[in-house]
Amino acid sequence: MLTSASSSGRGRKELKRAGSRLVASVESKSLVRKSSRWAAWLDVLQGVSGLVLLLFIWTHMIMVSSILISKDAMFVVSRMFEGVYVFDEPHPVLVSMVAVVIFCLLVIHGIIALRKAPSSYREYRQFITHANRFKHTDTNLWLLQVITGFILMFLATAHIYQMFSQPGNIGPYASADRIWTNTVWPLYLVLLFAVELHGGVGLYRWLLKWGWFGLANNRQQLKVAKSAITGFFLILGLLTLAAYIKLGIEHENHAGERYRPVSFMQQMENP
């Protein structure tokens, strides 16, 4: 009888332990599913915010490269930024508002991306060892994206602050004076390479990860397209920066003077 009661007690304890393990297992799987769901949503948010920033950067590059056409073309673009063609007068505050929006997107994108970057020297060494062992191109591209992203945290923030605090300093002469006379062209040069390399790699990895349009099956073609697009915007950016530097040198003795298009001057002379 005692043996039977003892066995019954042990059986209940074992059953209780098994039940506890089952509950713990279910809770663990539930937490894993929730964690995976959150990670997926964060990946989507990181990709979408990065895509919006990249499209803005490319649009911005095309706009500022209007200086390659003429000073008048750049003047028209700068007035468009200030809403002249909508409100019939310039409102530089619009530039500041856009700067705030872009800064917020940059912060969101950066914070989400930081969760995947090496957080210690030991993790960084492990990654380097892994990269050297496998010698995989995409692994090196990821490291390039981390490095350029770190650079952008500082340089992009500095540039956005300039646009926020001095929204009226946009135009052929104003931009040229800022780049040359204020000696910020080295910052813009580094920023150009960092943002174009970071954006190109980010778009490539995003399309490859989600496999849209069957691009995941054409990795080599996707790399060629990435290199071509990045090369195009780098060349366009270098030519644009060189044009502003040249204009800044020519206008150095009249720094601070604003550009007035020929049509505007004619109107002043013949009211």
C-alpha atoms as a PDB file:
ATOM      1  CA  MET A   1       0.000   0.000   0.000  1.00  0.00           C
ATOM      2  CA  LEU A   2       2.835   2.383   0.904  1.00  0.00           C
ATOM      3  CA  THR A   3       4.649   1.488  -2.294  1.00  0.00           C
ATOM      4  CA  SER A   4       1.497   2.106  -4.299  1.00  0.00           C
ATOM      5  CA  ALA A   5       0.916   5.511  -2.674  1.00  0.00           C
ATOM      6  CA  SER A   6       4.567   6.499  -3.200  1.00  0.00           C
ATOM      7  CA  SER A   7       4.405   5.552  -6.869  1.00  0.00           C
ATOM      8  CA  SER A   8       1.180   7.503  -7.256  1.00  0.00           C
ATOM      9  CA  GLY A   9       2.826  10.574  -5.674  1.00  0.00           C
ATOM     10  CA  ARG A  10       5.849  10.325  -7.968  1.00  0.00           C
ATOM     11  CA  GLY A  11       3.528   9.970 -10.948  1.00  0.00           C
ATOM     12  CA  ARG A  12       1.659  13.142 -10.050  1.00  0.00           C
ATOM     13  CA  LYS A  13       4.944  15.021  -9.650  1.00  0.00           C
ATOM     14  CA  GLU A  14       6.206  13.782 -13.005  1.00  0.00           C
ATOM     15  CA  LEU A  15       2.902  14.733 -14.611  1.00  0.00           C
ATOM     16  CA  LYS A  16       3.123  18.178 -13.042  1.00  0.00           C
ATOM     17  CA  ARG A  17       6.696  18.659 -14.296  1.00  0.00           C
ATOM     18  CA  ALA A  18       5.692  17.535 -17.788  1.00  0.00           C
ATOM     19  CA  GLY A  19       2.802  20.014 -17.722  1.00  0.00           C
ATOM     20  CA  SER A  20       5.141  22.801 -16.626  1.00  0.00           C
ATOM     21  CA  ARG A  21       7.592  21.939 -19.413  1.00  0.00           C
ATOM     22  CA  LEU A  22       4.741  21.922 -21.933  1.00  0.00           C
ATOM     23  CA  VAL A  23       3.511  25.349 -20.779  1.00  0.00           C
ATOM     24  CA  ALA A  24       7.071  26.729 -20.864  1.00  0.00           C
ATOM     25  CA  SER A  25       7.561  25.318 -24.357  1.00  0.00           C
ATOM     26  CA  VAL A  26       4.333  26.876 -25.609  1.00  0.00           C
ATOM     27  CA  GLU A  27       5.221  30.237 -24.037  1.00  0.00           C
ATOM     28  CA  SER A  28       8.720  30.071 -25.512  1.00  0.00           C
ATOM     29  CA  LYS A  29       7.380  29.351 -28.995  1.00  0.00           C
ATOM     30  CA  SER A  30       4.881  32.183 -28.615  1.00  0.00           C
ATOM     31  CA  LEU A  31       7.676  34.592 -27.653  1.00  0.00           C
ATOM     32  CA  VAL A  32       9.769  33.432 -30.618  1.00  0.00           C
ATOM     33  CA  ARG A  33       6.845  34.016 -32.974  1.00  0.00           C
ATOM     34  CA  LYS A  34       6.246  37.492 -31.523  1.00  0.00           C
ATOM     35  CA  SER A  35       9.965  38.284 -31.719  1.00  0.00           C
ATOM     36  CA  SER A  36      10.126  37.099 -35.335  1.00  0.00           C
ATOM     37  CA  ARG A  37       7.045  39.149 -36.195  1.00  0.00           C
ATOM     38  CA  TRP A  38       8.563  42.280 -34.668  1.00  0.00           C
ATOM     39  CA  ALA A  39      11.886  41.647 -36.430  1.00  0.00           C
ATOM     40  CA  ALA A  40      10.068  41.302 -39.745  1.00  0.00           C
ATOM     41  CA  TRP A  41       8.150  44.560 -39.227  1.00  0.00           C
ATOM     42  CA  LEU A  42      11.339  46.356 -38.247  1.00  0.00           C
ATOM     43  CA  ASP A  43      13.007  45.053 -41.417  1.00  0.00           C
ATOM     44  CA  VAL A  44      10.113  46.382 -43.480  1.00  0.00           C
ATOM     45  CA  LEU A  45      10.266  49.770 -41.749  1.00  0.00           C
ATOM     46  CA  GLN A  46      14.032  49.919 -42.232  1.00  0.00           C
ATOM     47  CA  GLY A  47      13.679  49.099 -45.919  1.00  0.00           C
ATOM     48  CA  VAL A  48      10.827  51.531 -46.567  1.00  0.00           C
ATOM     49  CA  SER A  49      12.524  54.413 -44.731  1.00  0.00           C
ATOM     50  CA  GLY A  50      15.767  53.687 -46.582  1.00  0.00           C
ATOM     51  CA  LEU A  51      13.973  53.598 -49.932  1.00  0.00           C
ATOM     52  CA  VAL A  52      12.251  56.939 -49.262  1.00  0.00           C
ATOM     53  CA  LEU A  53      15.583  58.483 -48.270  1.00  0.00           C
ATOM     54  CA  LEU A  54      17.295  57.077 -51.363  1.00  0.00           C
ATOM     55  CA  LEU A  55      14.589  58.390 -53.709  1.00  0.00           C
ATOM     56  CA  PHE A  56      14.870  61.785 -52.031  1.00  0.00           C
ATOM     57  CA  ILE A  57      18.657  61.764 -52.431  1.00  0.00           C
ATOM     58  CA  TRP A  58      18.447  60.903 -56.126  1.00  0.00           C
ATOM     59  CA  THR A  59      15.770  63.552 -56.714  1.00  0.00           C
ATOM     60  CA  HIS A  60      17.811  66.103 -54.771  1.00  0.00           C
ATOM     61  CA  MET A  61      20.903  65.249 -56.807  1.00  0.00           C
ATOM     62  CA  ILE A  62      19.084  65.747 -60.089  1.00  0.00           C
ATOM     63  CA  MET A  63      17.688  69.064 -58.857  1.00  0.00           C
ATOM     64  CA  VAL A  64      20.989  70.544 -57.666  1.00  0.00           C
ATOM     65  CA  SER A  65      22.753  69.315 -60.822  1.00  0.00           C
ATOM     66  CA  SER A  66      20.671  71.878 -62.735  1.00  0.00           C
ATOM     67  CA  ILE A  67      23.726  74.114 -62.277  1.00  0.00           C
ATOM     68  CA  LEU A  68      25.305  72.043 -65.068  1.00  0.00           C
ATOM     69  CA  ILE A  69      22.647  73.442 -67.432  1.00  0.00           C
ATOM     70  CA  SER A  70      22.891  77.094 -66.385  1.00  0.00           C
ATOM     71  CA  LYS A  71      22.704  79.446 -63.409  1.00  0.00           C
ATOM     72  CA  ASP A  72      19.194  80.411 -64.501  1.00  0.00           C
ATOM     73  CA  ALA A  73      18.110  76.750 -64.350  1.00  0.00           C
ATOM     74  CA  MET A  74      19.481  76.445 -60.815  1.00  0.00           C
ATOM     75  CA  PHE A  75      17.748  79.695 -59.847  1.00  0.00           C
ATOM     76  CA  VAL A  76      14.405  78.284 -61.025  1.00  0.00           C
ATOM     77  CA  VAL A  77      14.953  75.075 -59.034  1.00  0.00           C
ATOM     78  CA  SER A  78      15.921  76.955 -55.869  1.00  0.00           C
ATOM     79  CA  ARG A  79      12.816  79.127 -56.104  1.00  0.00           C
ATOM     80  CA  MET A  80      10.747  75.981 -56.571  1.00  0.00           C
ATOM     81  CA  PHE A  81      12.132  74.616 -53.287  1.00  0.00           C
ATOM     82  CA  GLU A  82      10.893  77.785 -51.598  1.00  0.00           C
ATOM     83  CA  GLY A  83       7.385  77.476 -53.056  1.00  0.00           C
ATOM     84  CA  VAL A  84       7.512  80.593 -55.250  1.00  0.00           C
ATOM     85  CA  TYR A  85       5.525  78.965 -58.038  1.00  0.00           C
ATOM     86  CA  VAL A  86       2.758  77.971 -55.625  1.00  0.00           C
ATOM     87  CA  PHE A  87       2.582  80.933 -53.224  1.00  0.00           C
ATOM     88  CA  ASP A  88       3.949  83.661 -55.590  1.00  0.00           C
ATOM     89  CA  GLU A  89       6.638  84.529 -53.045  1.00  0.00           C
ATOM     90  CA  PRO A  90       9.523  82.618 -51.440  1.00  0.00           C
ATOM     91  CA  HIS A  91       8.970  80.745 -48.186  1.00  0.00           C
ATOM     92  CA  PRO A  92      12.361  79.343 -47.075  1.00  0.00           C
ATOM     93  CA  VAL A  93      10.623  77.738 -44.104  1.00  0.00           C
ATOM     94  CA  LEU A  94       9.473  75.033 -46.533  1.00  0.00           C
ATOM     95  CA  VAL A  95      13.105  73.977 -46.905  1.00  0.00           C
ATOM     96  CA  SER A  96      13.411  73.779 -43.114  1.00  0.00           C
ATOM     97  CA  MET A  97      10.270  71.645 -42.918  1.00  0.00           C
ATOM     98  CA  VAL A  98      11.616  69.197 -45.494  1.00  0.00           C
ATOM     99  CA  ALA A  99      14.909  69.074 -43.574  1.00  0.00           C
ATOM    100  CA  VAL A 100      13.056  68.118 -40.378  1.00  0.00           C
ATOM    101  CA  VAL A 101      11.145  65.322 -42.150  1.00  0.00           C
ATOM    102  CA  ILE A 102      14.323  63.934 -43.718  1.00  0.00           C
ATOM    103  CA  PHE A 103      16.138  64.115 -40.371  1.00  0.00           C
ATOM    104  CA  CYS A 104      13.336  62.154 -38.668  1.00  0.00           C
ATOM    105  CA  LEU A 105      13.474  59.478 -41.369  1.00  0.00           C
ATOM    106  CA  LEU A 106      17.255  59.342 -41.024  1.00  0.00           C
ATOM    107  CA  VAL A 107      17.013  58.842 -37.256  1.00  0.00           C
ATOM    108  CA  ILE A 108      14.365  56.116 -37.588  1.00  0.00           C
ATOM    109  CA  HIS A 109      16.354  54.329 -40.289  1.00  0.00           C
ATOM    110  CA  GLY A 110      19.596  54.597 -38.322  1.00  0.00           C
ATOM    111  CA  ILE A 111      18.195  53.367 -35.010  1.00  0.00           C
ATOM    112  CA  ILE A 112      16.620  50.310 -36.632  1.00  0.00           C
ATOM    113  CA  ALA A 113      19.778  49.532 -38.621  1.00  0.00           C
ATOM    114  CA  LEU A 114      22.007  49.774 -35.523  1.00  0.00           C
ATOM    115  CA  ARG A 115      20.465  46.623 -34.047  1.00  0.00           C
ATOM    116  CA  LYS A 116      22.289  44.558 -36.696  1.00  0.00           C
ATOM    117  CA  ALA A 117      25.672  46.278 -36.497  1.00  0.00           C
ATOM    118  CA  PRO A 118      28.519  44.876 -34.354  1.00  0.00           C
ATOM    119  CA  SER A 119      28.060  46.324 -30.864  1.00  0.00           C
ATOM    120  CA  SER A 120      31.510  45.470 -29.477  1.00  0.00           C
ATOM    121  CA  TYR A 121      35.087  44.990 -30.576  1.00  0.00           C
ATOM    122  CA  ARG A 122      34.750  41.207 -30.083  1.00  0.00           C
ATOM    123  CA  GLU A 123      31.738  41.050 -32.414  1.00  0.00           C
ATOM    124  CA  TYR A 124      33.595  43.167 -34.966  1.00  0.00           C
ATOM    125  CA  ARG A 125      36.624  40.805 -34.842  1.00  0.00           C
ATOM    126  CA  GLN A 126      34.341  37.775 -35.236  1.00  0.00           C
ATOM    127  CA  PHE A 127      32.751  39.375 -38.280  1.00  0.00           C
ATOM    128  CA  ILE A 128      36.138  40.191 -39.853  1.00  0.00           C
ATOM    129  CA  THR A 129      37.283  36.610 -39.255  1.00  0.00           C
ATOM    130  CA  HIS A 130      34.087  35.322 -40.861  1.00  0.00           C
ATOM    131  CA  ALA A 131      34.464  37.661 -43.845  1.00  0.00           C
ATOM    132  CA  ASN A 132      38.119  36.701 -44.402  1.00  0.00           C
ATOM    133  CA  ARG A 133      37.300  33.016 -44.186  1.00  0.00           C
ATOM    134  CA  PHE A 134      34.418  32.970 -46.671  1.00  0.00           C
ATOM    135  CA  LYS A 135      35.470  35.903 -48.892  1.00  0.00           C
ATOM    136  CA  HIS A 136      31.870  36.515 -49.954  1.00  0.00           C
ATOM    137  CA  THR A 137      31.169  39.716 -51.896  1.00  0.00           C
ATOM    138  CA  ASP A 138      27.807  40.349 -50.238  1.00  0.00           C
ATOM    139  CA  THR A 139      29.411  40.078 -46.790  1.00  0.00           C
ATOM    140  CA  ASN A 140      31.908  42.784 -47.748  1.00  0.00           C
ATOM    141  CA  LEU A 141      29.060  44.907 -49.114  1.00  0.00           C
ATOM    142  CA  TRP A 142      27.298  44.636 -45.757  1.00  0.00           C
ATOM    143  CA  LEU A 143      30.463  45.847 -43.995  1.00  0.00           C
ATOM    144  CA  LEU A 144      30.711  48.730 -46.496  1.00  0.00           C
ATOM    145  CA  GLN A 145      27.124  49.665 -45.687  1.00  0.00           C
ATOM    146  CA  VAL A 146      27.856  49.662 -41.948  1.00  0.00           C
ATOM    147  CA  ILE A 147      30.914  51.916 -42.402  1.00  0.00           C
ATOM    148  CA  THR A 148      29.173  54.372 -44.735  1.00  0.00           C
ATOM    149  CA  GLY A 149      26.122  54.392 -42.467  1.00  0.00           C
ATOM    150  CA  PHE A 150      28.347  55.387 -39.538  1.00  0.00           C
ATOM    151  CA  ILE A 151      29.821  58.233 -41.626  1.00  0.00           C
ATOM    152  CA  LEU A 152      26.351  59.418 -42.654  1.00  0.00           C
ATOM    153  CA  MET A 153      25.233  59.658 -39.022  1.00  0.00           C
ATOM    154  CA  PHE A 154      27.599  62.629 -38.685  1.00  0.00           C
ATOM    155  CA  LEU A 155      27.958  64.192 -42.137  1.00  0.00           C
ATOM    156  CA  ALA A 156      24.326  63.891 -43.215  1.00  0.00           C
ATOM    157  CA  THR A 157      23.194  65.343 -39.890  1.00  0.00           C
ATOM    158  CA  ALA A 158      25.568  68.307 -40.329  1.00  0.00           C
ATOM    159  CA  HIS A 159      24.285  68.960 -43.867  1.00  0.00           C
ATOM    160  CA  ILE A 160      20.637  68.692 -42.823  1.00  0.00           C
ATOM    161  CA  TYR A 161      21.275  71.135 -39.991  1.00  0.00           C
ATOM    162  CA  GLN A 162      22.730  73.602 -42.496  1.00  0.00           C
ATOM    163  CA  MET A 163      19.597  73.371 -44.615  1.00  0.00           C
ATOM    164  CA  PHE A 164      17.372  73.696 -41.556  1.00  0.00           C
ATOM    165  CA  SER A 165      19.158  76.700 -40.042  1.00  0.00           C
ATOM    166  CA  GLN A 166      19.908  78.524 -43.328  1.00  0.00           C
ATOM    167  CA  PRO A 167      17.031  77.616 -45.659  1.00  0.00           C
ATOM    168  CA  GLY A 168      17.376  80.837 -47.657  1.00  0.00           C
ATOM    169  CA  ASN A 169      20.970  80.120 -48.697  1.00  0.00           C
ATOM    170  CA  ILE A 170      20.015  78.147 -51.781  1.00  0.00           C
ATOM    171  CA  GLY A 171      20.765  79.362 -55.284  1.00  0.00           C
ATOM    172  CA  PRO A 172      23.602  79.550 -57.821  1.00  0.00           C
ATOM    173  CA  TYR A 173      25.742  82.051 -55.888  1.00  0.00           C
ATOM    174  CA  ALA A 174      24.474  81.197 -52.393  1.00  0.00           C
ATOM    175  CA  SER A 175      25.204  77.482 -52.829  1.00  0.00           C
ATOM    176  CA  ALA A 176      28.546  78.151 -54.512  1.00  0.00           C
ATOM    177  CA  ASP A 177      29.604  80.510 -51.710  1.00  0.00           C
ATOM    178  CA  ARG A 178      28.612  77.956 -49.089  1.00  0.00           C
ATOM    179  CA  ILE A 179      30.558  75.193 -50.811  1.00  0.00           C
ATOM    180  CA  TRP A 180      33.717  77.156 -51.685  1.00  0.00           C
ATOM    181  CA  THR A 181      33.943  80.279 -49.518  1.00  0.00           C
ATOM    182  CA  ASN A 182      32.788  78.483 -46.366  1.00  0.00           C
ATOM    183  CA  THR A 183      35.049  75.537 -47.270  1.00  0.00           C
ATOM    184  CA  VAL A 184      32.466  72.782 -46.879  1.00  0.00           C
ATOM    185  CA  TRP A 185      33.295  71.075 -50.183  1.00  0.00           C
ATOM    186  CA  PRO A 186      35.469  68.390 -48.466  1.00  0.00           C
ATOM    187  CA  LEU A 187      32.457  67.463 -46.335  1.00  0.00           C
ATOM    188  CA  TYR A 188      30.245  67.286 -49.432  1.00  0.00           C
ATOM    189  CA  LEU A 189      32.825  65.181 -51.266  1.00  0.00           C
ATOM    190  CA  VAL A 190      32.947  62.549 -48.517  1.00  0.00           C
ATOM    191  CA  LEU A 191      29.174  62.784 -48.084  1.00  0.00           C
ATOM    192  CA  LEU A 192      28.641  62.163 -51.808  1.00  0.00           C
ATOM    193  CA  PHE A 193      30.591  58.896 -51.802  1.00  0.00           C
ATOM    194  CA  ALA A 194      29.150  57.738 -48.471  1.00  0.00           C
ATOM    195  CA  VAL A 195      25.509  58.347 -49.392  1.00  0.00           C
ATOM    196  CA  GLU A 196      25.702  56.899 -52.913  1.00  0.00           C
ATOM    197  CA  LEU A 197      27.600  53.773 -51.865  1.00  0.00           C
ATOM    198  CA  HIS A 198      25.349  53.255 -48.836  1.00  0.00           C
ATOM    199  CA  GLY A 199      22.160  53.782 -50.818  1.00  0.00           C
ATOM    200  CA  GLY A 200      23.213  51.579 -53.736  1.00  0.00           C
ATOM    201  CA  VAL A 201      24.232  48.677 -51.495  1.00  0.00           C
ATOM    202  CA  GLY A 202      21.104  49.102 -49.380  1.00  0.00           C
ATOM    203  CA  LEU A 203      18.791  48.946 -52.392  1.00  0.00           C
ATOM    204  CA  TYR A 204      20.641  45.904 -53.754  1.00  0.00           C
ATOM    205  CA  ARG A 205      20.415  44.010 -50.459  1.00  0.00           C
ATOM    206  CA  TRP A 206      16.765  44.983 -49.933  1.00  0.00           C
ATOM    207  CA  LEU A 207      15.680  43.742 -53.363  1.00  0.00           C
ATOM    208  CA  LEU A 208      17.750  40.611 -52.929  1.00  0.00           C
ATOM    209  CA  LYS A 209      16.316  39.886 -49.481  1.00  0.00           C
ATOM    210  CA  TRP A 210      12.664  40.233 -50.414  1.00  0.00           C
ATOM    211  CA  GLY A 211      13.085  38.698 -53.846  1.00  0.00           C
ATOM    212  CA  TRP A 212      10.718  41.063 -55.623  1.00  0.00           C
ATOM    213  CA  PHE A 213      10.231  40.735 -59.377  1.00  0.00           C
ATOM    214  CA  GLY A 214      12.378  37.588 -59.347  1.00  0.00           C
ATOM    215  CA  LEU A 215      15.512  39.659 -58.761  1.00  0.00           C
ATOM    216  CA  ALA A 216      16.839  37.241 -56.156  1.00  0.00           C
ATOM    217  CA  ASN A 217      17.475  34.766 -58.974  1.00  0.00           C
ATOM    218  CA  ASN A 218      19.542  37.319 -60.908  1.00  0.00           C
ATOM    219  CA  ARG A 219      22.130  38.302 -58.327  1.00  0.00           C
ATOM    220  CA  GLN A 220      24.852  39.103 -60.872  1.00  0.00           C
ATOM    221  CA  GLN A 221      22.571  41.250 -63.023  1.00  0.00           C
ATOM    222  CA  LEU A 222      21.385  43.052 -59.904  1.00  0.00           C
ATOM    223  CA  LYS A 223      25.002  43.801 -58.946  1.00  0.00           C
ATOM    224  CA  VAL A 224      25.682  45.207 -62.413  1.00  0.00           C
ATOM    225  CA  ALA A 225      22.579  47.419 -62.188  1.00  0.00           C
ATOM    226  CA  LYS A 226      23.623  48.589 -58.699  1.00  0.00           C
ATOM    227  CA  SER A 227      27.117  49.489 -59.884  1.00  0.00           C
ATOM    228  CA  ALA A 228      25.765  51.312 -62.943  1.00  0.00           C
ATOM    229  CA  ILE A 229      23.272  53.400 -60.953  1.00  0.00           C
ATOM    230  CA  THR A 230      25.814  54.204 -58.230  1.00  0.00           C
ATOM    231  CA  GLY A 231      28.423  55.099 -60.854  1.00  0.00           C
ATOM    232  CA  PHE A 232      25.975  57.392 -62.666  1.00  0.00           C
ATOM    233  CA  PHE A 233      25.064  59.367 -59.549  1.00  0.00           C
ATOM    234  CA  LEU A 234      28.691  59.536 -58.381  1.00  0.00           C
ATOM    235  CA  ILE A 235      29.769  61.018 -61.714  1.00  0.00           C
ATOM    236  CA  LEU A 236      26.796  63.391 -61.719  1.00  0.00           C
ATOM    237  CA  GLY A 237      27.595  64.425 -58.146  1.00  0.00           C
ATOM    238  CA  LEU A 238      31.284  65.009 -58.859  1.00  0.00           C
ATOM    239  CA  LEU A 239      30.499  67.122 -61.928  1.00  0.00           C
ATOM    240  CA  THR A 240      27.933  69.107 -59.935  1.00  0.00           C
ATOM    241  CA  LEU A 241      30.306  69.683 -57.023  1.00  0.00           C
ATOM    242  CA  ALA A 242      33.053  70.762 -59.449  1.00  0.00           C
ATOM    243  CA  ALA A 243      30.640  73.230 -61.093  1.00  0.00           C
ATOM    244  CA  TYR A 244      29.753  74.818 -57.747  1.00  0.00           C
ATOM    245  CA  ILE A 245      33.433  75.018 -56.744  1.00  0.00           C
ATOM    246  CA  LYS A 246      34.276  76.714 -60.065  1.00  0.00           C
ATOM    247  CA  LEU A 247      31.414  79.179 -59.623  1.00  0.00           C
ATOM    248  CA  GLY A 248      32.459  79.795 -56.020  1.00  0.00           C
ATOM    249  CA  ILE A 249      36.009  80.620 -57.075  1.00  0.00           C
ATOM    250  CA  GLU A 250      34.748  83.025 -59.748  1.00  0.00           C
ATOM    251  CA  HIS A 251      32.344  84.670 -57.293  1.00  0.00           C
ATOM    252  CA  GLU A 252      34.726  84.728 -54.321  1.00  0.00           C
ATOM    253  CA  ASN A 253      35.277  88.509 -54.442  1.00  0.00           C
ATOM    254  CA  HIS A 254      31.498  89.073 -54.321  1.00  0.00           C
ATOM    255  CA  ALA A 255      30.613  86.437 -51.733  1.00  0.00           C
ATOM    256  CA  GLY A 256      27.192  87.049 -50.232  1.00  0.00           C
ATOM    257  CA  GLU A 257      25.770  88.604 -53.365  1.00  0.00           C
ATOM    258  CA  ARG A 258      22.668  86.819 -54.623  1.00  0.00           C
ATOM    259  CA  TYR A 259      22.153  85.744 -58.200  1.00  0.00           C
ATOM    260  CA  ARG A 260      19.572  87.546 -60.322  1.00  0.00           C
ATOM    261  CA  PRO A 261      18.571  85.934 -63.631  1.00  0.00           C
ATOM    262  CA  VAL A 262      18.783  87.895 -66.879  1.00  0.00           C
ATOM    263  CA  SER A 263      14.986  88.066 -67.193  1.00  0.00           C
ATOM    264  CA  PHE A 264      14.759  89.595 -63.703  1.00  0.00           C
ATOM    265  CA  MET A 265      17.382  92.228 -64.520  1.00  0.00           C
ATOM    266  CA  GLN A 266      15.605  93.120 -67.747  1.00  0.00           C
ATOM    267  CA  GLN A 267      12.378  93.632 -65.818  1.00  0.00           C
ATOM    268  CA  MET A 268      14.197  95.941 -63.383  1.00  0.00           C
ATOM    269  CA  GLU A 269      15.639  98.005 -66.235  1.00  0.00           C
ATOM    270  CA  ASN A 270      12.381  98.135 -68.220  1.00  0.00           C
ATOM    271  CA  PRO A 271       9.514  98.142 -65.705  1.00  0.00           C
END
